[in-house]
Amino acid sequence: MSLRTVHIIFITASALLCVGFGAWELHAYSAIHHGSDLVMGVGSLLCGAALGVYGKAVYRKLKRLSYL
């Protein structure tokens, strides 16, 4: 498995975990109404979106490199 493949897999897994955790925290906020759940949920969703943008940029850059 190439370094490119491993990197893309880890970025994708991290983004999915962030989005999943964010959804879970927002669901917890809707039930309990703790402010920390809202902050962690929104923050996690933003991190997941940032990882998605980063993953797309890395994929484009690594796609051009022929030695990976």
C-alpha atoms as a PDB file:
ATOM      1  CA  MET A   1       0.000   0.000   0.000  1.00  0.00           C
ATOM      2  CA  SER A   2       1.439   3.358  -0.994  1.00  0.00           C
ATOM      3  CA  LEU A   3       1.930   6.325   1.272  1.00  0.00           C
ATOM      4  CA  ARG A   4      -0.676   8.210  -0.747  1.00  0.00           C
ATOM      5  CA  THR A   5      -3.296   5.541  -0.143  1.00  0.00           C
ATOM      6  CA  VAL A   6      -2.590   5.368   3.580  1.00  0.00           C
ATOM      7  CA  HIS A   7      -2.751   9.145   3.903  1.00  0.00           C
ATOM      8  CA  ILE A   8      -6.056   9.380   2.048  1.00  0.00           C
ATOM      9  CA  ILE A   9      -7.527   6.555   4.162  1.00  0.00           C
ATOM     10  CA  PHE A  10      -6.515   8.244   7.418  1.00  0.00           C
ATOM     11  CA  ILE A  11      -7.844  11.636   6.334  1.00  0.00           C
ATOM     12  CA  THR A  12     -11.141  10.081   5.248  1.00  0.00           C
ATOM     13  CA  ALA A  13     -11.480   8.106   8.484  1.00  0.00           C
ATOM     14  CA  SER A  14     -10.695  11.194  10.561  1.00  0.00           C
ATOM     15  CA  ALA A  15     -13.241  13.307   8.694  1.00  0.00           C
ATOM     16  CA  LEU A  16     -15.933  10.645   9.095  1.00  0.00           C
ATOM     17  CA  LEU A  17     -15.189  10.290  12.805  1.00  0.00           C
ATOM     18  CA  CYS A  18     -15.404  14.069  13.272  1.00  0.00           C
ATOM     19  CA  VAL A  19     -18.715  14.274  11.455  1.00  0.00           C
ATOM     20  CA  GLY A  20     -20.097  11.273  13.350  1.00  0.00           C
ATOM     21  CA  PHE A  21     -19.021  12.668  16.710  1.00  0.00           C
ATOM     22  CA  GLY A  22     -20.445  16.073  15.795  1.00  0.00           C
ATOM     23  CA  ALA A  23     -23.806  14.545  14.909  1.00  0.00           C
ATOM     24  CA  TRP A  24     -23.786  12.554  18.149  1.00  0.00           C
ATOM     25  CA  GLU A  25     -23.026  15.664  20.199  1.00  0.00           C
ATOM     26  CA  LEU A  26     -25.753  17.681  18.467  1.00  0.00           C
ATOM     27  CA  HIS A  27     -28.198  14.865  19.161  1.00  0.00           C
ATOM     28  CA  ALA A  28     -27.118  14.899  22.817  1.00  0.00           C
ATOM     29  CA  TYR A  29     -27.604  18.675  22.871  1.00  0.00           C
ATOM     30  CA  SER A  30     -31.149  18.327  21.561  1.00  0.00           C
ATOM     31  CA  ALA A  31     -31.973  15.957  24.415  1.00  0.00           C
ATOM     32  CA  ILE A  32     -30.111  17.527  27.364  1.00  0.00           C
ATOM     33  CA  HIS A  33     -29.419  21.160  26.297  1.00  0.00           C
ATOM     34  CA  HIS A  34     -25.880  21.426  27.696  1.00  0.00           C
ATOM     35  CA  GLY A  35     -23.925  24.203  26.044  1.00  0.00           C
ATOM     36  CA  SER A  36     -20.765  22.120  25.897  1.00  0.00           C
ATOM     37  CA  ASP A  37     -22.510  19.556  23.701  1.00  0.00           C
ATOM     38  CA  LEU A  38     -23.430  22.284  21.229  1.00  0.00           C
ATOM     39  CA  VAL A  39     -19.898  23.700  21.165  1.00  0.00           C
ATOM     40  CA  MET A  40     -18.277  20.286  20.718  1.00  0.00           C
ATOM     41  CA  GLY A  41     -20.823  19.270  18.078  1.00  0.00           C
ATOM     42  CA  VAL A  42     -20.399  22.366  15.948  1.00  0.00           C
ATOM     43  CA  GLY A  43     -16.623  22.359  16.437  1.00  0.00           C
ATOM     44  CA  SER A  44     -16.379  18.741  15.418  1.00  0.00           C
ATOM     45  CA  LEU A  45     -18.484  19.304  12.304  1.00  0.00           C
ATOM     46  CA  LEU A  46     -16.251  22.230  11.349  1.00  0.00           C
ATOM     47  CA  CYS A  47     -13.152  20.070  11.850  1.00  0.00           C
ATOM     48  CA  GLY A  48     -14.703  17.356   9.696  1.00  0.00           C
ATOM     49  CA  ALA A  49     -15.376  19.891   6.937  1.00  0.00           C
ATOM     50  CA  ALA A  50     -11.821  21.232   7.201  1.00  0.00           C
ATOM     51  CA  LEU A  51     -10.447  17.700   6.954  1.00  0.00           C
ATOM     52  CA  GLY A  52     -12.577  17.139   3.857  1.00  0.00           C
ATOM     53  CA  VAL A  53     -11.136  20.248   2.198  1.00  0.00           C
ATOM     54  CA  TYR A  54      -7.624  19.241   3.264  1.00  0.00           C
ATOM     55  CA  GLY A  55      -8.125  15.701   1.960  1.00  0.00           C
ATOM     56  CA  LYS A  56      -9.291  16.980  -1.408  1.00  0.00           C
ATOM     57  CA  ALA A  57      -6.263  19.280  -1.683  1.00  0.00           C
ATOM     58  CA  VAL A  58      -3.852  16.498  -0.685  1.00  0.00           C
ATOM     59  CA  TYR A  59      -5.448  14.104  -3.155  1.00  0.00           C
ATOM     60  CA  ARG A  60      -5.032  16.618  -5.991  1.00  0.00           C
ATOM     61  CA  LYS A  61      -1.414  17.279  -5.057  1.00  0.00           C
ATOM     62  CA  LEU A  62      -0.475  13.612  -4.631  1.00  0.00           C
ATOM     63  CA  LYS A  63      -2.265  12.672  -7.853  1.00  0.00           C
ATOM     64  CA  ARG A  64       0.220  14.815  -9.808  1.00  0.00           C
ATOM     65  CA  LEU A  65       3.221  13.112  -8.196  1.00  0.00           C
ATOM     66  CA  SER A  66       4.125  10.035 -10.179  1.00  0.00           C
ATOM     67  CA  TYR A  67       6.506   8.433  -7.689  1.00  0.00           C
ATOM     68  CA  LEU A  68       3.859   7.815  -5.012  1.00  0.00           C
END
